[in-house]
Amino acid sequence: MTVHEGRSFNNARIDLDGAAFRNCRFTGCEMVYSGGQPPEITGCHFDDCSWSFGGSAALTLGFLSAMHGGGFADLVERTFEMARQGRFADLPASAAGSATPAGSVEKSDAADRDHPLMFRIPRVLKRPLRR
């Protein structure tokens, strides 16, 4: 992990993956997370920065968006509720590339069906929302 401590960044693109930022100042920066090892951000200050997603993180958000519009809105909302509760905050670095969240039950067909983030779907179709 690359560690940045007490640095100032101005008008720069900051790749967050696999980096630690401690007591840094960011001004006019584009903060980009691409789905790699989550960054460590502690005691930092942000002025007029934008946040964006690239790579695997952007693909994951696109997939969630398609699922939400394709009849799986409840699943996506439950997933975000679990994120709000911090249920994914303690993923070990080794789990970053796995499809199974930390603490899940042993792999079996029944476990796959019961876990809220494990499901089988042949494809996601975007359907108009019904009002």
C-alpha atoms as a PDB file:
ATOM      1  CA  MET A   1       0.000   0.000   0.000  1.00  0.00           C
ATOM      2  CA  THR A   2       1.349   3.420  -0.966  1.00  0.00           C
ATOM      3  CA  VAL A   3       1.179   5.808   2.007  1.00  0.00           C
ATOM      4  CA  HIS A   4       0.750   9.583   1.623  1.00  0.00           C
ATOM      5  CA  GLU A   5       1.028  11.501   4.871  1.00  0.00           C
ATOM      6  CA  GLY A   6       0.597  15.241   5.400  1.00  0.00           C
ATOM      7  CA  ARG A   7       0.665  16.028   1.674  1.00  0.00           C
ATOM      8  CA  SER A   8      -1.267  18.630  -0.303  1.00  0.00           C
ATOM      9  CA  PHE A   9      -2.739  17.760  -3.695  1.00  0.00           C
ATOM     10  CA  ASN A  10      -4.023  20.447  -6.075  1.00  0.00           C
ATOM     11  CA  ASN A  11      -6.026  19.970  -9.286  1.00  0.00           C
ATOM     12  CA  ALA A  12      -4.883  16.365  -9.644  1.00  0.00           C
ATOM     13  CA  ARG A  13      -6.474  13.038 -10.471  1.00  0.00           C
ATOM     14  CA  ILE A  14      -6.055  10.880  -7.382  1.00  0.00           C
ATOM     15  CA  ASP A  15      -6.247   7.109  -7.855  1.00  0.00           C
ATOM     16  CA  LEU A  16      -7.502   5.831  -4.512  1.00  0.00           C
ATOM     17  CA  ASP A  17      -7.069   2.075  -5.034  1.00  0.00           C
ATOM     18  CA  GLY A  18      -4.498   0.523  -2.727  1.00  0.00           C
ATOM     19  CA  ALA A  19      -3.375   3.829  -1.208  1.00  0.00           C
ATOM     20  CA  ALA A  20      -3.402   5.360   2.256  1.00  0.00           C
ATOM     21  CA  PHE A  21      -3.954   9.085   2.754  1.00  0.00           C
ATOM     22  CA  ARG A  22      -3.346  10.424   6.251  1.00  0.00           C
ATOM     23  CA  ASN A  23      -3.824  14.079   7.178  1.00  0.00           C
ATOM     24  CA  CYS A  24      -3.676  15.180   3.541  1.00  0.00           C
ATOM     25  CA  ARG A  25      -5.369  18.148   1.870  1.00  0.00           C
ATOM     26  CA  PHE A  26      -7.045  17.855  -1.536  1.00  0.00           C
ATOM     27  CA  THR A  27      -8.075  20.962  -3.490  1.00  0.00           C
ATOM     28  CA  GLY A  28      -9.875  20.735  -6.832  1.00  0.00           C
ATOM     29  CA  CYS A  29      -8.969  17.070  -7.224  1.00  0.00           C
ATOM     30  CA  GLU A  30     -10.792  14.235  -8.948  1.00  0.00           C
ATOM     31  CA  MET A  31     -10.911  11.313  -6.513  1.00  0.00           C
ATOM     32  CA  VAL A  32     -11.215   8.026  -8.448  1.00  0.00           C
ATOM     33  CA  TYR A  33     -11.934   4.580  -7.024  1.00  0.00           C
ATOM     34  CA  SER A  34     -11.656   1.738  -9.561  1.00  0.00           C
ATOM     35  CA  GLY A  35     -12.625  -1.307  -7.516  1.00  0.00           C
ATOM     36  CA  GLY A  36      -9.231  -2.458  -6.248  1.00  0.00           C
ATOM     37  CA  GLN A  37      -8.093  -2.623  -2.635  1.00  0.00           C
ATOM     38  CA  PRO A  38     -10.110   0.004  -0.721  1.00  0.00           C
ATOM     39  CA  PRO A  39      -8.121   3.072   0.297  1.00  0.00           C
ATOM     40  CA  GLU A  40      -7.426   4.230   3.824  1.00  0.00           C
ATOM     41  CA  ILE A  41      -8.455   7.883   4.236  1.00  0.00           C
ATOM     42  CA  THR A  42      -7.842   9.357   7.688  1.00  0.00           C
ATOM     43  CA  GLY A  43      -7.925  12.970   8.854  1.00  0.00           C
ATOM     44  CA  CYS A  44      -8.011  14.411   5.331  1.00  0.00           C
ATOM     45  CA  HIS A  45      -9.601  17.651   4.140  1.00  0.00           C
ATOM     46  CA  PHE A  46     -11.354  18.014   0.754  1.00  0.00           C
ATOM     47  CA  ASP A  47     -12.066  21.346  -0.992  1.00  0.00           C
ATOM     48  CA  ASP A  48     -14.020  21.397  -4.252  1.00  0.00           C
ATOM     49  CA  CYS A  49     -13.188  17.782  -5.151  1.00  0.00           C
ATOM     50  CA  SER A  50     -15.204  15.434  -7.342  1.00  0.00           C
ATOM     51  CA  TRP A  51     -15.577  11.714  -6.735  1.00  0.00           C
ATOM     52  CA  SER A  52     -15.919   9.137  -9.498  1.00  0.00           C
ATOM     53  CA  PHE A  53     -15.738   5.429 -10.170  1.00  0.00           C
ATOM     54  CA  GLY A  54     -13.734   3.679 -12.869  1.00  0.00           C
ATOM     55  CA  GLY A  55     -12.853   0.125 -13.875  1.00  0.00           C
ATOM     56  CA  SER A  56     -14.494  -2.647 -11.868  1.00  0.00           C
ATOM     57  CA  ALA A  57     -16.209  -0.180  -9.528  1.00  0.00           C
ATOM     58  CA  ALA A  58     -17.936   1.531 -12.477  1.00  0.00           C
ATOM     59  CA  LEU A  59     -18.936  -1.838 -13.938  1.00  0.00           C
ATOM     60  CA  THR A  60     -20.418  -2.878 -10.583  1.00  0.00           C
ATOM     61  CA  LEU A  61     -22.455   0.329 -10.379  1.00  0.00           C
ATOM     62  CA  GLY A  62     -23.668  -0.183 -13.953  1.00  0.00           C
ATOM     63  CA  PHE A  63     -24.701  -3.732 -13.096  1.00  0.00           C
ATOM     64  CA  LEU A  64     -26.579  -2.572  -9.984  1.00  0.00           C
ATOM     65  CA  SER A  65     -28.308   0.119 -12.031  1.00  0.00           C
ATOM     66  CA  ALA A  66     -29.400  -2.426 -14.649  1.00  0.00           C
ATOM     67  CA  MET A  67     -30.636  -4.778 -11.938  1.00  0.00           C
ATOM     68  CA  HIS A  68     -32.582  -1.965 -10.275  1.00  0.00           C
ATOM     69  CA  GLY A  69     -34.360  -1.152 -13.537  1.00  0.00           C
ATOM     70  CA  GLY A  70     -34.687  -4.817 -14.505  1.00  0.00           C
ATOM     71  CA  GLY A  71     -36.988  -5.994 -11.751  1.00  0.00           C
ATOM     72  CA  PHE A  72     -34.499  -6.388  -8.894  1.00  0.00           C
ATOM     73  CA  ALA A  73     -35.014  -3.017  -7.195  1.00  0.00           C
ATOM     74  CA  ASP A  74     -35.696  -4.668  -3.816  1.00  0.00           C
ATOM     75  CA  LEU A  75     -32.429  -6.614  -3.948  1.00  0.00           C
ATOM     76  CA  VAL A  76     -30.445  -3.488  -4.855  1.00  0.00           C
ATOM     77  CA  GLU A  77     -32.140  -1.476  -2.095  1.00  0.00           C
ATOM     78  CA  ARG A  78     -31.378  -4.236   0.459  1.00  0.00           C
ATOM     79  CA  THR A  79     -27.764  -4.244  -0.710  1.00  0.00           C
ATOM     80  CA  PHE A  80     -27.458  -0.485  -0.169  1.00  0.00           C
ATOM     81  CA  GLU A  81     -29.180  -0.765   3.211  1.00  0.00           C
ATOM     82  CA  MET A  82     -26.572  -3.346   4.231  1.00  0.00           C
ATOM     83  CA  ALA A  83     -23.852  -0.928   3.045  1.00  0.00           C
ATOM     84  CA  ARG A  84     -25.401   1.891   5.116  1.00  0.00           C
ATOM     85  CA  GLN A  85     -25.283  -0.426   8.131  1.00  0.00           C
ATOM     86  CA  GLY A  86     -21.566  -1.038   7.545  1.00  0.00           C
ATOM     87  CA  ARG A  87     -22.024  -4.727   6.768  1.00  0.00           C
ATOM     88  CA  PHE A  88     -19.324  -4.625   4.056  1.00  0.00           C
ATOM     89  CA  ALA A  89     -16.869  -2.325   5.849  1.00  0.00           C
ATOM     90  CA  ASP A  90     -14.813  -5.135   7.369  1.00  0.00           C
ATOM     91  CA  LEU A  91     -14.027  -7.113   4.226  1.00  0.00           C
ATOM     92  CA  PRO A  92     -10.468  -8.410   4.451  1.00  0.00           C
ATOM     93  CA  ALA A  93      -8.144  -7.515   1.575  1.00  0.00           C
ATOM     94  CA  SER A  94      -8.208 -11.155   0.431  1.00  0.00           C
ATOM     95  CA  ALA A  95     -11.983 -10.927  -0.094  1.00  0.00           C
ATOM     96  CA  ALA A  96     -11.745  -7.896  -2.377  1.00  0.00           C
ATOM     97  CA  GLY A  97     -11.623 -10.110  -5.455  1.00  0.00           C
ATOM     98  CA  SER A  98     -14.020 -12.791  -4.274  1.00  0.00           C
ATOM     99  CA  ALA A  99     -17.736 -12.954  -4.956  1.00  0.00           C
ATOM    100  CA  THR A 100     -18.584 -13.954  -1.392  1.00  0.00           C
ATOM    101  CA  PRO A 101     -18.640 -11.399   1.440  1.00  0.00           C
ATOM    102  CA  ALA A 102     -16.600 -12.067   4.572  1.00  0.00           C
ATOM    103  CA  GLY A 103     -18.405 -14.091   7.192  1.00  0.00           C
ATOM    104  CA  SER A 104     -20.694 -15.860   4.766  1.00  0.00           C
ATOM    105  CA  VAL A 105     -21.627 -19.476   5.269  1.00  0.00           C
ATOM    106  CA  GLU A 106     -19.729 -22.281   3.591  1.00  0.00           C
ATOM    107  CA  LYS A 107     -20.343 -22.672  -0.112  1.00  0.00           C
ATOM    108  CA  SER A 108     -23.349 -24.778  -0.971  1.00  0.00           C
ATOM    109  CA  ASP A 109     -26.315 -24.440  -3.283  1.00  0.00           C
ATOM    110  CA  ALA A 110     -28.604 -23.678  -0.344  1.00  0.00           C
ATOM    111  CA  ALA A 111     -26.235 -21.018   0.995  1.00  0.00           C
ATOM    112  CA  ASP A 112     -26.035 -19.404  -2.437  1.00  0.00           C
ATOM    113  CA  ARG A 113     -29.818 -19.153  -2.650  1.00  0.00           C
ATOM    114  CA  ASP A 114     -30.197 -17.763   0.888  1.00  0.00           C
ATOM    115  CA  HIS A 115     -27.467 -15.122   0.835  1.00  0.00           C
ATOM    116  CA  PRO A 116     -28.901 -11.741  -0.260  1.00  0.00           C
ATOM    117  CA  LEU A 117     -25.996 -11.035  -2.622  1.00  0.00           C
ATOM    118  CA  MET A 118     -25.680 -14.472  -4.208  1.00  0.00           C
ATOM    119  CA  PHE A 119     -28.124 -15.192  -6.997  1.00  0.00           C
ATOM    120  CA  ARG A 120     -28.270 -16.683 -10.434  1.00  0.00           C
ATOM    121  CA  ILE A 121     -29.700 -14.650 -13.263  1.00  0.00           C
ATOM    122  CA  PRO A 122     -29.263 -15.364 -16.975  1.00  0.00           C
ATOM    123  CA  ARG A 123     -29.414 -11.694 -17.991  1.00  0.00           C
ATOM    124  CA  VAL A 124     -30.668  -8.335 -16.812  1.00  0.00           C
ATOM    125  CA  LEU A 125     -33.224  -6.508 -18.904  1.00  0.00           C
ATOM    126  CA  LYS A 126     -33.996  -2.869 -18.381  1.00  0.00           C
ATOM    127  CA  ARG A 127     -37.735  -2.441 -18.026  1.00  0.00           C
ATOM    128  CA  PRO A 128     -39.608   0.832 -17.616  1.00  0.00           C
ATOM    129  CA  LEU A 129     -40.608   1.520 -14.038  1.00  0.00           C
ATOM    130  CA  ARG A 130     -44.300   1.047 -13.289  1.00  0.00           C
ATOM    131  CA  ARG A 131     -45.941   3.895 -11.477  1.00  0.00           C
END
